[in-house]
C-alpha atoms as a PDB file:
ATOM      1  CA  MET A   1     133.267 132.519  58.992  1.00  0.00           C
ATOM      2  CA  THR A   2     134.950 130.068  56.588  1.00  0.00           C
ATOM      3  CA  LEU A   3     132.865 129.283  53.536  1.00  0.00           C
ATOM      4  CA  ARG A   4     132.150 125.676  52.739  1.00  0.00           C
ATOM      5  CA  PRO A   5     134.164 124.560  49.707  1.00  0.00           C
ATOM      6  CA  THR A   6     132.553 124.852  46.297  1.00  0.00           C
ATOM      7  CA  ILE A   7     132.354 121.462  44.582  1.00  0.00           C
ATOM      8  CA  ALA A   8     131.498 121.158  40.892  1.00  0.00           C
ATOM      9  CA  ILE A   9     129.379 118.068  40.171  1.00  0.00           C
ATOM     10  CA  THR A  10     129.351 116.881  36.568  1.00  0.00           C
ATOM     11  CA  MET A  11     126.083 115.161  35.743  1.00  0.00           C
ATOM     12  CA  GLY A  12     127.620 112.421  33.566  1.00  0.00           C
ATOM     13  CA  ASP A  13     126.197 110.857  30.428  1.00  0.00           C
ATOM     14  CA  PRO A  14     122.678 112.305  29.898  1.00  0.00           C
ATOM     15  CA  THR A  15     121.267 108.946  28.805  1.00  0.00           C
ATOM     16  CA  GLY A  16     122.517 107.108  31.912  1.00  0.00           C
ATOM     17  CA  ILE A  17     121.709 107.387  35.603  1.00  0.00           C
ATOM     18  CA  GLY A  18     123.966 110.409  36.165  1.00  0.00           C
ATOM     19  CA  PRO A  19     121.208 113.049  35.945  1.00  0.00           C
ATOM     20  CA  GLU A  20     118.979 111.026  38.270  1.00  0.00           C
ATOM     21  CA  VAL A  21     121.596 110.489  40.991  1.00  0.00           C
ATOM     22  CA  THR A  22     122.562 114.162  40.677  1.00  0.00           C
ATOM     23  CA  ALA A  23     118.946 115.216  41.165  1.00  0.00           C
ATOM     24  CA  ARG A  24     118.612 112.900  44.156  1.00  0.00           C
ATOM     25  CA  ALA A  25     121.832 114.235  45.692  1.00  0.00           C
ATOM     26  CA  LEU A  26     120.619 117.826  45.449  1.00  0.00           C
ATOM     27  CA  VAL A  27     117.969 117.157  48.096  1.00  0.00           C
ATOM     28  CA  ARG A  28     120.377 115.449  50.498  1.00  0.00           C
ATOM     29  CA  GLN A  29     121.202 117.658  53.452  1.00  0.00           C
ATOM     30  CA  ALA A  30     124.544 115.886  53.788  1.00  0.00           C
ATOM     31  CA  VAL A  31     125.631 117.456  50.495  1.00  0.00           C
ATOM     32  CA  TRP A  32     124.706 120.982  51.547  1.00  0.00           C
ATOM     33  CA  ASP A  33     126.216 120.527  54.993  1.00  0.00           C
ATOM     34  CA  CYS A  34     129.664 119.781  53.565  1.00  0.00           C
ATOM     35  CA  CYS A  35     129.892 122.063  50.527  1.00  0.00           C
ATOM     36  CA  ARG A  36     128.354 124.509  48.100  1.00  0.00           C
ATOM     37  CA  PRO A  37     127.411 122.252  45.166  1.00  0.00           C
ATOM     38  CA  LEU A  38     127.387 123.506  41.591  1.00  0.00           C
ATOM     39  CA  VAL A  39     126.103 121.097  38.962  1.00  0.00           C
ATOM     40  CA  ILE A  40     127.862 121.233  35.590  1.00  0.00           C
ATOM     41  CA  GLY A  41     125.515 119.903  32.946  1.00  0.00           C
ATOM     42  CA  ASP A  42     122.361 120.632  31.040  1.00  0.00           C
ATOM     43  CA  ALA A  43     119.663 122.314  33.092  1.00  0.00           C
ATOM     44  CA  ALA A  44     116.840 120.914  30.974  1.00  0.00           C
ATOM     45  CA  VAL A  45     118.056 117.370  31.589  1.00  0.00           C
ATOM     46  CA  ILE A  46     118.374 117.940  35.338  1.00  0.00           C
ATOM     47  CA  GLY A  47     114.874 119.434  35.241  1.00  0.00           C
ATOM     48  CA  GLN A  48     113.593 116.260  33.583  1.00  0.00           C
ATOM     49  CA  ALA A  49     115.281 114.151  36.225  1.00  0.00           C
ATOM     50  CA  LEU A  50     113.641 116.182  38.990  1.00  0.00           C
ATOM     51  CA  THR A  51     110.278 115.665  37.299  1.00  0.00           C
ATOM     52  CA  LEU A  52     110.918 111.927  37.071  1.00  0.00           C
ATOM     53  CA  LEU A  53     111.507 111.860  40.819  1.00  0.00           C
ATOM     54  CA  ASP A  54     108.525 114.121  41.648  1.00  0.00           C
ATOM     55  CA  ASN A  55     111.050 116.529  43.130  1.00  0.00           C
ATOM     56  CA  PRO A  56     109.684 120.055  43.712  1.00  0.00           C
ATOM     57  CA  LEU A  57     113.042 121.849  43.403  1.00  0.00           C
ATOM     58  CA  THR A  58     113.402 124.640  40.864  1.00  0.00           C
ATOM     59  CA  ILE A  59     116.664 124.840  38.935  1.00  0.00           C
ATOM     60  CA  HIS A  60     118.680 128.057  38.928  1.00  0.00           C
ATOM     61  CA  ARG A  61     120.414 128.253  35.552  1.00  0.00           C
ATOM     62  CA  VAL A  62     123.773 130.034  35.649  1.00  0.00           C
ATOM     63  CA  SER A  63     126.501 130.650  33.113  1.00  0.00           C
ATOM     64  CA  ALA A  64     129.288 131.437  35.593  1.00  0.00           C
ATOM     65  CA  VAL A  65     130.232 130.468  39.149  1.00  0.00           C
ATOM     66  CA  ASN A  66     129.737 133.999  40.447  1.00  0.00           C
ATOM     67  CA  GLU A  67     126.061 133.823  39.450  1.00  0.00           C
ATOM     68  CA  ALA A  68     125.372 130.871  41.750  1.00  0.00           C
ATOM     69  CA  GLY A  69     123.252 131.477  44.828  1.00  0.00           C
ATOM     70  CA  PHE A  70     123.953 128.138  46.545  1.00  0.00           C
ATOM     71  CA  ASP A  71     120.408 127.925  47.861  1.00  0.00           C
ATOM     72  CA  PRO A  72     119.297 124.358  48.755  1.00  0.00           C
ATOM     73  CA  ASP A  73     115.764 125.193  47.615  1.00  0.00           C
ATOM     74  CA  VAL A  74     116.962 126.480  44.224  1.00  0.00           C
ATOM     75  CA  PRO A  75     120.097 124.502  43.291  1.00  0.00           C
ATOM     76  CA  ASP A  76     122.451 125.928  40.686  1.00  0.00           C
ATOM     77  CA  VAL A  77     123.210 124.318  37.338  1.00  0.00           C
ATOM     78  CA  LEU A  78     125.939 125.787  35.181  1.00  0.00           C
ATOM     79  CA  ASP A  79     124.052 125.166  31.989  1.00  0.00           C
ATOM     80  CA  LEU A  80     126.042 124.154  28.907  1.00  0.00           C
ATOM     81  CA  ARG A  81     122.832 123.671  26.905  1.00  0.00           C
ATOM     82  CA  ASN A  82     124.400 120.843  24.940  1.00  0.00           C
ATOM     83  CA  VAL A  83     121.626 118.220  24.929  1.00  0.00           C
ATOM     84  CA  ASP A  84     118.642 117.985  22.606  1.00  0.00           C
ATOM     85  CA  LEU A  85     115.923 116.471  24.780  1.00  0.00           C
ATOM     86  CA  SER A  86     113.836 115.568  21.745  1.00  0.00           C
ATOM     87  CA  THR A  87     116.503 113.103  20.606  1.00  0.00           C
ATOM     88  CA  LEU A  88     117.527 111.809  24.027  1.00  0.00           C
ATOM     89  CA  GLN A  89     117.040 108.037  24.260  1.00  0.00           C
ATOM     90  CA  PRO A  90     117.380 106.817  27.849  1.00  0.00           C
ATOM     91  CA  GLY A  91     119.658 103.833  28.263  1.00  0.00           C
ATOM     92  CA  LYS A  92     121.098 104.009  24.743  1.00  0.00           C
ATOM     93  CA  VAL A  93     124.670 104.625  23.632  1.00  0.00           C
ATOM     94  CA  SER A  94     124.751 108.033  22.014  1.00  0.00           C
ATOM     95  CA  ALA A  95     127.601 109.913  20.370  1.00  0.00           C
ATOM     96  CA  ALA A  96     125.928 113.218  21.241  1.00  0.00           C
ATOM     97  CA  ALA A  97     125.596 112.200  24.891  1.00  0.00           C
ATOM     98  CA  GLY A  98     129.194 111.006  24.966  1.00  0.00           C
ATOM     99  CA  HIS A  99     130.397 114.330  23.602  1.00  0.00           C
ATOM    100  CA  ALA A 100     128.230 116.261  26.077  1.00  0.00           C
ATOM    101  CA  SER A 101     129.530 114.268  29.036  1.00  0.00           C
ATOM    102  CA  VAL A 102     133.124 115.156  28.147  1.00  0.00           C
ATOM    103  CA  GLU A 103     132.209 118.839  27.853  1.00  0.00           C
ATOM    104  CA  TYR A 104     130.992 118.768  31.467  1.00  0.00           C
ATOM    105  CA  VAL A 105     134.329 117.378  32.619  1.00  0.00           C
ATOM    106  CA  GLU A 106     136.261 119.902  30.549  1.00  0.00           C
ATOM    107  CA  LYS A 107     134.306 122.779  32.084  1.00  0.00           C
ATOM    108  CA  ALA A 108     134.708 121.467  35.628  1.00  0.00           C
ATOM    109  CA  VAL A 109     138.472 121.075  35.190  1.00  0.00           C
ATOM    110  CA  GLU A 110     138.699 124.567  33.724  1.00  0.00           C
ATOM    111  CA  LEU A 111     136.932 126.000  36.768  1.00  0.00           C
ATOM    112  CA  ALA A 112     139.091 124.014  39.192  1.00  0.00           C
ATOM    113  CA  GLN A 113     142.304 125.068  37.476  1.00  0.00           C
ATOM    114  CA  ALA A 114     141.169 128.697  37.641  1.00  0.00           C
ATOM    115  CA  GLY A 115     140.400 128.360  41.346  1.00  0.00           C
ATOM    116  CA  GLU A 116     136.708 129.110  40.841  1.00  0.00           C
ATOM    117  CA  VAL A 117     135.730 125.789  42.424  1.00  0.00           C
ATOM    118  CA  ASP A 118     137.607 123.894  45.126  1.00  0.00           C
ATOM    119  CA  GLY A 119     137.166 120.412  43.690  1.00  0.00           C
ATOM    120  CA  ILE A 120     135.151 118.339  41.254  1.00  0.00           C
ATOM    121  CA  THR A 121     133.008 115.248  41.617  1.00  0.00           C
ATOM    122  CA  THR A 122     132.161 113.425  38.424  1.00  0.00           C
ATOM    123  CA  GLY A 123     129.089 111.477  37.454  1.00  0.00           C
ATOM    124  CA  PRO A 124     129.315 108.319  35.318  1.00  0.00           C
ATOM    125  CA  ILE A 125     130.291 108.434  31.654  1.00  0.00           C
ATOM    126  CA  ASN A 126     130.148 105.627  29.111  1.00  0.00           C
ATOM    127  CA  LYS A 127     133.140 104.210  27.219  1.00  0.00           C
ATOM    128  CA  ALA A 128     131.081 103.165  24.195  1.00  0.00           C
ATOM    129  CA  ALA A 129     129.529 106.628  23.976  1.00  0.00           C
ATOM    130  CA  LEU A 130     132.980 108.217  24.112  1.00  0.00           C
ATOM    131  CA  GLN A 131     134.112 105.951  21.306  1.00  0.00           C
ATOM    132  CA  ALA A 132     131.014 106.773  19.247  1.00  0.00           C
ATOM    133  CA  ALA A 133     131.749 110.466  19.734  1.00  0.00           C
ATOM    134  CA  GLY A 134     135.317 110.033  18.508  1.00  0.00           C
ATOM    135  CA  ILE A 135     136.812 110.873  21.899  1.00  0.00           C
ATOM    136  CA  PRO A 136     140.376 109.478  21.994  1.00  0.00           C
ATOM    137  CA  HIS A 137     140.145 108.425  25.653  1.00  0.00           C
ATOM    138  CA  ILE A 138     138.489 105.475  27.366  1.00  0.00           C
ATOM    139  CA  GLY A 139     137.528 107.084  30.664  1.00  0.00           C
ATOM    140  CA  HIS A 140     137.785 109.912  33.149  1.00  0.00           C
ATOM    141  CA  THR A 141     141.374 109.237  34.197  1.00  0.00           C
ATOM    142  CA  GLU A 142     142.665 109.518  30.644  1.00  0.00           C
ATOM    143  CA  ILE A 143     140.583 112.639  29.996  1.00  0.00           C
ATOM    144  CA  LEU A 144     141.866 114.259  33.179  1.00  0.00           C
ATOM    145  CA  ALA A 145     145.459 113.402  32.290  1.00  0.00           C
ATOM    146  CA  ALA A 146     145.065 115.101  28.910  1.00  0.00           C
ATOM    147  CA  LEU A 147     143.368 118.187  30.382  1.00  0.00           C
ATOM    148  CA  THR A 148     145.906 118.712  33.161  1.00  0.00           C
ATOM    149  CA  GLY A 149     149.053 117.507  31.449  1.00  0.00           C
ATOM    150  CA  GLU A 150     149.671 115.033  34.264  1.00  0.00           C
ATOM    151  CA  GLU A 151     150.626 111.551  33.112  1.00  0.00           C
ATOM    152  CA  ARG A 152     151.350 109.831  36.426  1.00  0.00           C
ATOM    153  CA  LEU A 153     147.838 109.333  37.701  1.00  0.00           C
ATOM    154  CA  THR A 154     146.200 106.471  39.494  1.00  0.00           C
ATOM    155  CA  THR A 155     142.808 105.724  40.989  1.00  0.00           C
ATOM    156  CA  MET A 156     141.963 105.124  44.630  1.00  0.00           C
ATOM    157  CA  LEU A 157     138.717 103.360  45.455  1.00  0.00           C
ATOM    158  CA  ALA A 158     137.360 104.062  48.911  1.00  0.00           C
ATOM    159  CA  THR A 159     134.547 102.830  51.070  1.00  0.00           C
ATOM    160  CA  ASN A 160     134.082 102.764  54.822  1.00  0.00           C
ATOM    161  CA  GLY A 161     136.986 100.727  56.164  1.00  0.00           C
ATOM    162  CA  LEU A 162     138.795  99.950  52.904  1.00  0.00           C
ATOM    163  CA  LYS A 163     140.847 101.941  50.398  1.00  0.00           C
ATOM    164  CA  VAL A 164     142.465 100.438  47.307  1.00  0.00           C
ATOM    165  CA  VAL A 165     144.808 101.923  44.693  1.00  0.00           C
ATOM    166  CA  HIS A 166     145.655 100.201  41.405  1.00  0.00           C
ATOM    167  CA  VAL A 167     148.990  99.820  39.650  1.00  0.00           C
ATOM    168  CA  THR A 168     147.201  99.020  36.364  1.00  0.00           C
ATOM    169  CA  ARG A 169     143.633 100.014  35.541  1.00  0.00           C
ATOM    170  CA  HIS A 170     142.096  99.091  32.208  1.00  0.00           C
ATOM    171  CA  ALA A 171     144.724  96.627  31.009  1.00  0.00           C
ATOM    172  CA  PRO A 172     143.518  93.274  29.625  1.00  0.00           C
ATOM    173  CA  LEU A 173     144.379  90.498  32.044  1.00  0.00           C
ATOM    174  CA  GLN A 174     146.848  88.876  29.663  1.00  0.00           C
ATOM    175  CA  GLU A 175     148.877  92.122  29.635  1.00  0.00           C
ATOM    176  CA  VAL A 176     148.917  92.745  33.374  1.00  0.00           C
ATOM    177  CA  ALA A 177     152.011  90.741  34.327  1.00  0.00           C
ATOM    178  CA  SER A 178     154.242  92.557  31.850  1.00  0.00           C
ATOM    179  CA  ALA A 179     152.890  95.907  33.096  1.00  0.00           C
ATOM    180  CA  ILE A 180     153.877  95.183  36.702  1.00  0.00           C
ATOM    181  CA  THR A 181     157.298  96.816  36.893  1.00  0.00           C
ATOM    182  CA  ARG A 182     159.299  97.991  39.872  1.00  0.00           C
ATOM    183  CA  GLU A 183     158.958 101.588  38.685  1.00  0.00           C
ATOM    184  CA  ARG A 184     155.173 101.463  38.306  1.00  0.00           C
ATOM    185  CA  VAL A 185     154.639  99.759  41.648  1.00  0.00           C
ATOM    186  CA  LEU A 186     156.922 102.242  43.416  1.00  0.00           C
ATOM    187  CA  GLU A 187     155.232 105.222  41.794  1.00  0.00           C
ATOM    188  CA  THR A 188     151.810 103.889  42.846  1.00  0.00           C
ATOM    189  CA  ILE A 189     153.008 103.447  46.428  1.00  0.00           C
ATOM    190  CA  ARG A 190     154.247 107.043  46.447  1.00  0.00           C
ATOM    191  CA  LEU A 191     150.986 108.380  45.003  1.00  0.00           C
ATOM    192  CA  THR A 192     148.987 106.399  47.558  1.00  0.00           C
ATOM    193  CA  ASP A 193     151.039 107.677  50.470  1.00  0.00           C
ATOM    194  CA  ALA A 194     150.732 111.280  49.283  1.00  0.00           C
ATOM    195  CA  GLY A 195     147.032 110.931  48.514  1.00  0.00           C
ATOM    196  CA  LEU A 196     146.167 109.577  51.937  1.00  0.00           C
ATOM    197  CA  ARG A 197     147.961 112.487  53.534  1.00  0.00           C
ATOM    198  CA  THR A 198     145.674 114.895  51.638  1.00  0.00           C
ATOM    199  CA  ILE A 199     142.646 113.374  53.356  1.00  0.00           C
ATOM    200  CA  GLY A 200     144.133 113.743  56.811  1.00  0.00           C
ATOM    201  CA  ILE A 201     146.041 110.500  57.421  1.00  0.00           C
ATOM    202  CA  GLU A 202     149.341 111.882  58.683  1.00  0.00           C
ATOM    203  CA  ARG A 203     151.412 108.705  58.452  1.00  0.00           C
ATOM    204  CA  PRO A 204     149.670 106.146  56.244  1.00  0.00           C
ATOM    205  CA  THR A 205     150.301 102.443  56.638  1.00  0.00           C
ATOM    206  CA  LEU A 206     150.152 100.659  53.285  1.00  0.00           C
ATOM    207  CA  ALA A 207     150.001  97.073  52.078  1.00  0.00           C
ATOM    208  CA  VAL A 208     150.965  95.896  48.611  1.00  0.00           C
ATOM    209  CA  ALA A 209     149.084  92.936  47.164  1.00  0.00           C
ATOM    210  CA  ALA A 210     150.904  90.125  45.392  1.00  0.00           C
ATOM    211  CA  LEU A 211     150.068  89.391  41.784  1.00  0.00           C
ATOM    212  CA  ASN A 212     150.334  85.608  41.831  1.00  0.00           C
ATOM    213  CA  PRO A 213     148.648  82.963  44.029  1.00  0.00           C
ATOM    214  CA  HIS A 214     150.321  82.571  47.417  1.00  0.00           C
ATOM    215  CA  GLY A 215     152.483  85.582  46.666  1.00  0.00           C
ATOM    216  CA  GLY A 216     154.310  83.630  43.965  1.00  0.00           C
ATOM    217  CA  ASP A 217     155.292  80.878  46.415  1.00  0.00           C
ATOM    218  CA  ASP A 218     158.951  81.910  46.386  1.00  0.00           C
ATOM    219  CA  GLY A 219     159.048  81.976  42.597  1.00  0.00           C
ATOM    220  CA  LEU A 220     157.297  78.667  41.942  1.00  0.00           C
ATOM    221  CA  LEU A 221     154.045  80.375  40.865  1.00  0.00           C
ATOM    222  CA  GLY A 222     155.514  83.495  39.292  1.00  0.00           C
ATOM    223  CA  ARG A 223     158.499  85.768  39.741  1.00  0.00           C
ATOM    224  CA  GLU A 224     156.886  89.218  39.726  1.00  0.00           C
ATOM    225  CA  GLU A 225     156.886  89.336  43.513  1.00  0.00           C
ATOM    226  CA  LYS A 226     160.630  88.665  43.760  1.00  0.00           C
ATOM    227  CA  GLU A 227     161.765  90.691  40.768  1.00  0.00           C
ATOM    228  CA  GLN A 228     159.398  93.681  40.639  1.00  0.00           C
ATOM    229  CA  ILE A 229     156.933  94.084  43.525  1.00  0.00           C
ATOM    230  CA  GLY A 230     159.255  93.198  46.416  1.00  0.00           C
ATOM    231  CA  PRO A 231     162.073  95.509  45.261  1.00  0.00           C
ATOM    232  CA  ALA A 232     159.554  98.351  44.831  1.00  0.00           C
ATOM    233  CA  VAL A 233     158.331  97.868  48.390  1.00  0.00           C
ATOM    234  CA  ALA A 234     161.922  97.856  49.666  1.00  0.00           C
ATOM    235  CA  SER A 235     162.653 101.108  47.827  1.00  0.00           C
ATOM    236  CA  ALA A 236     159.524 102.744  49.247  1.00  0.00           C
ATOM    237  CA  ARG A 237     160.482 101.718  52.759  1.00  0.00           C
ATOM    238  CA  ALA A 238     163.944 103.205  52.198  1.00  0.00           C
ATOM    239  CA  GLU A 239     162.187 106.485  51.367  1.00  0.00           C
ATOM    240  CA  GLY A 240     160.396 106.413  54.710  1.00  0.00           C
ATOM    241  CA  ILE A 241     157.018 105.146  53.518  1.00  0.00           C
ATOM    242  CA  GLU A 242     155.346 102.723  55.919  1.00  0.00           C
ATOM    243  CA  VAL A 243     154.522  99.831  53.611  1.00  0.00           C
ATOM    244  CA  GLN A 244     154.427  96.032  53.737  1.00  0.00           C
ATOM    245  CA  GLY A 245     154.315  93.441  50.980  1.00  0.00           C
ATOM    246  CA  PRO A 246     153.869  91.757  48.705  1.00  0.00           C
ATOM    247  CA  ILE A 247     151.068  90.099  50.671  1.00  0.00           C
ATOM    248  CA  PRO A 248     148.878  87.380  49.072  1.00  0.00           C
ATOM    249  CA  ALA A 249     145.705  88.929  47.690  1.00  0.00           C
ATOM    250  CA  ASP A 250     143.467  86.374  49.384  1.00  0.00           C
ATOM    251  CA  SER A 251     144.317  87.806  52.806  1.00  0.00           C
ATOM    252  CA  VAL A 252     145.511  91.393  52.374  1.00  0.00           C
ATOM    253  CA  PHE A 253     142.071  92.966  51.905  1.00  0.00           C
ATOM    254  CA  PHE A 254     140.661  91.226  54.963  1.00  0.00           C
ATOM    255  CA  ARG A 255     143.601  92.504  56.974  1.00  0.00           C
ATOM    256  CA  ALA A 256     143.003  96.040  55.718  1.00  0.00           C
ATOM    257  CA  ILE A 257     139.300  95.895  56.627  1.00  0.00           C
ATOM    258  CA  ARG A 258     140.359  94.650  60.062  1.00  0.00           C
ATOM    259  CA  GLY A 259     142.364  97.868  60.460  1.00  0.00           C
ATOM    260  CA  GLU A 260     145.974  96.808  59.872  1.00  0.00           C
ATOM    261  CA  PHE A 261     146.431  99.049  56.834  1.00  0.00           C
ATOM    262  CA  ASP A 262     145.073 102.391  55.656  1.00  0.00           C
ATOM    263  CA  ALA A 263     145.132 101.285  52.015  1.00  0.00           C
ATOM    264  CA  VAL A 264     146.050  98.393  49.760  1.00  0.00           C
ATOM    265  CA  VAL A 265     147.968  98.754  46.492  1.00  0.00           C
ATOM    266  CA  ALA A 266     146.397  96.268  44.076  1.00  0.00           C
ATOM    267  CA  MET A 267     148.018  95.051  40.886  1.00  0.00           C
ATOM    268  CA  TYR A 268     145.058  95.141  38.491  1.00  0.00           C
ATOM    269  CA  HIS A 269     141.475  96.255  38.036  1.00  0.00           C
ATOM    270  CA  ASP A 270     139.428  93.322  39.318  1.00  0.00           C
ATOM    271  CA  GLN A 271     141.867  92.448  42.094  1.00  0.00           C
ATOM    272  CA  GLY A 272     141.008  95.763  43.730  1.00  0.00           C
ATOM    273  CA  HIS A 273     137.471  96.351  42.537  1.00  0.00           C
ATOM    274  CA  ILE A 274     135.999  93.061  43.723  1.00  0.00           C
ATOM    275  CA  PRO A 275     136.794  93.557  47.432  1.00  0.00           C
ATOM    276  CA  ILE A 276     135.696  97.197  47.317  1.00  0.00           C
ATOM    277  CA  LYS A 277     132.387  96.410  45.610  1.00  0.00           C
ATOM    278  CA  THR A 278     131.770  93.473  47.951  1.00  0.00           C
ATOM    279  CA  HIS A 279     132.564  95.531  51.035  1.00  0.00           C
ATOM    280  CA  GLY A 280     130.469  98.584  50.152  1.00  0.00           C
ATOM    281  CA  PHE A 281     128.854  98.474  46.719  1.00  0.00           C
ATOM    282  CA  GLU A 282     126.551 101.487  47.019  1.00  0.00           C
ATOM    283  CA  ARG A 283     128.878 103.650  49.120  1.00  0.00           C
ATOM    284  CA  SER A 284     132.207 103.251  47.346  1.00  0.00           C
ATOM    285  CA  VAL A 285     133.799 106.205  45.560  1.00  0.00           C
ATOM    286  CA  THR A 286     136.922 106.862  43.511  1.00  0.00           C
ATOM    287  CA  VAL A 287     139.637 109.496  43.862  1.00  0.00           C
ATOM    288  CA  THR A 288     142.193 110.352  41.192  1.00  0.00           C
ATOM    289  CA  LEU A 289     145.644 110.677  42.745  1.00  0.00           C
ATOM    290  CA  GLY A 290     148.416 112.715  41.137  1.00  0.00           C
ATOM    291  CA  LEU A 291     146.245 115.569  39.848  1.00  0.00           C
ATOM    292  CA  PRO A 292     146.860 119.250  40.627  1.00  0.00           C
ATOM    293  CA  ILE A 293     143.123 119.506  41.383  1.00  0.00           C
ATOM    294  CA  ILE A 294     140.762 117.522  43.607  1.00  0.00           C
ATOM    295  CA  ARG A 295     138.667 114.966  41.767  1.00  0.00           C
ATOM    296  CA  THR A 296     136.387 112.326  43.236  1.00  0.00           C
ATOM    297  CA  SER A 297     133.788 110.252  41.450  1.00  0.00           C
ATOM    298  CA  VAL A 298     131.006 107.762  41.812  1.00  0.00           C
ATOM    299  CA  ASP A 299     132.256 104.187  41.701  1.00  0.00           C
ATOM    300  CA  HIS A 300     129.661 102.943  39.228  1.00  0.00           C
ATOM    301  CA  GLY A 301     128.821 103.229  35.576  1.00  0.00           C
ATOM    302  CA  THR A 302     125.952 104.660  33.584  1.00  0.00           C
ATOM    303  CA  ALA A 303     123.692 101.664  34.375  1.00  0.00           C
ATOM    304  CA  PHE A 304     121.754 101.925  31.114  1.00  0.00           C
ATOM    305  CA  ASP A 305     119.549  99.012  32.183  1.00  0.00           C
ATOM    306  CA  ILE A 306     117.866 101.146  34.872  1.00  0.00           C
ATOM    307  CA  ALA A 307     118.433 104.635  33.453  1.00  0.00           C
ATOM    308  CA  TRP A 308     115.525 107.072  33.691  1.00  0.00           C
ATOM    309  CA  ARG A 309     113.340 104.611  35.557  1.00  0.00           C
ATOM    310  CA  GLY A 310     113.610 106.216  39.002  1.00  0.00           C
ATOM    311  CA  LEU A 311     115.588 103.284  40.406  1.00  0.00           C
ATOM    312  CA  ALA A 312     119.118 104.663  40.784  1.00  0.00           C
ATOM    313  CA  ASN A 313     120.801 105.102  44.152  1.00  0.00           C
ATOM    314  CA  GLU A 314     122.618 108.380  44.848  1.00  0.00           C
ATOM    315  CA  GLU A 315     124.666 107.240  47.851  1.00  0.00           C
ATOM    316  CA  SER A 316     127.951 106.871  45.953  1.00  0.00           C
ATOM    317  CA  LEU A 317     127.624 110.422  44.596  1.00  0.00           C
ATOM    318  CA  VAL A 318     126.852 111.815  48.046  1.00  0.00           C
ATOM    319  CA  GLN A 319     129.882 110.036  49.493  1.00  0.00           C
ATOM    320  CA  ALA A 320     132.070 111.296  46.640  1.00  0.00           C
ATOM    321  CA  VAL A 321     130.969 114.898  47.187  1.00  0.00           C
ATOM    322  CA  GLN A 322     131.638 114.612  50.906  1.00  0.00           C
ATOM    323  CA  LEU A 323     135.132 113.255  50.276  1.00  0.00           C
ATOM    324  CA  ALA A 324     135.921 116.032  47.781  1.00  0.00           C
ATOM    325  CA  ALA A 325     134.779 118.590  50.335  1.00  0.00           C
ATOM    326  CA  GLN A 326     136.894 116.942  53.025  1.00  0.00           C
ATOM    327  CA  MET A 327     139.952 117.026  50.779  1.00  0.00           C
ATOM    328  CA  ALA A 328     139.314 120.656  49.842  1.00  0.00           C
ATOM    329  CA  ALA A 329     138.960 121.652  53.482  1.00  0.00           C
ATOM    330  CA  GLY A 330     142.234 119.844  54.229  1.00  0.00           C
ATOM    331  CA  ARG A 331     144.056 122.007  51.714  1.00  0.00           C
END
């Protein structure tokens, strides 16, 4: 009998909603049906989250993967013991919490690189907390790039019926146009094609969004489509990738939802995030493409405004775990 894949779940920033959505996910049968989950975090914090939710589960503290029992009634937490509960302030930016949240990611990557887990799913971390902790990265993607030595990474957002990959991620809007180069667009198309194949789409059909209104209107409203995006699409097609574009952004996402395309390559953060969040806010997830390991994540932040109030929704985490398990099984 083939074992279900082992998926490491990092609990995210301890002062945000990560511990709560992790605790909620641990009682979801859908999680246990698809994988053997191993939480990477602080067992005391997860215990507090279970108490908050009146959850009767008992935590099994482990210090190594081979100690895990993978029992749904006694879920495993690989306990880094790196949070002082007496100083934890829910919903507040904390340098200590920021540092702890990075340690969870570091441990999960270490286990994945060693082959001790089959993939990782990350809970939300906070950019301000990372900065307060002196972490020289602004988010998961940059941390993962540093840990794996892979520089050519990009993020795919996915929800039921729509997948989006970004050419630029956290660039200020005024810098986006200069960052849209033929090379970056082509590399993103390649990563998207390869990434979709890892989740079982044998011959992906891609669309590339235009940057400017009306696709640049033949150069009248911008020349990026003619000089950078269009040539990148032509090069990708010459390589055998099934891709169309540039297509005006006001229609391409609707066409993808309708089933014409398996994924859309978007030019910048909000161009891709807005349709994904509108289409499936609570069920959307992210996947990092270009890594030597499998990594999925929730598609939301630490939500400090509702942290530790019992209001968080775990659906994005459940979906992210299921996708990581699907990708691991595909390998």
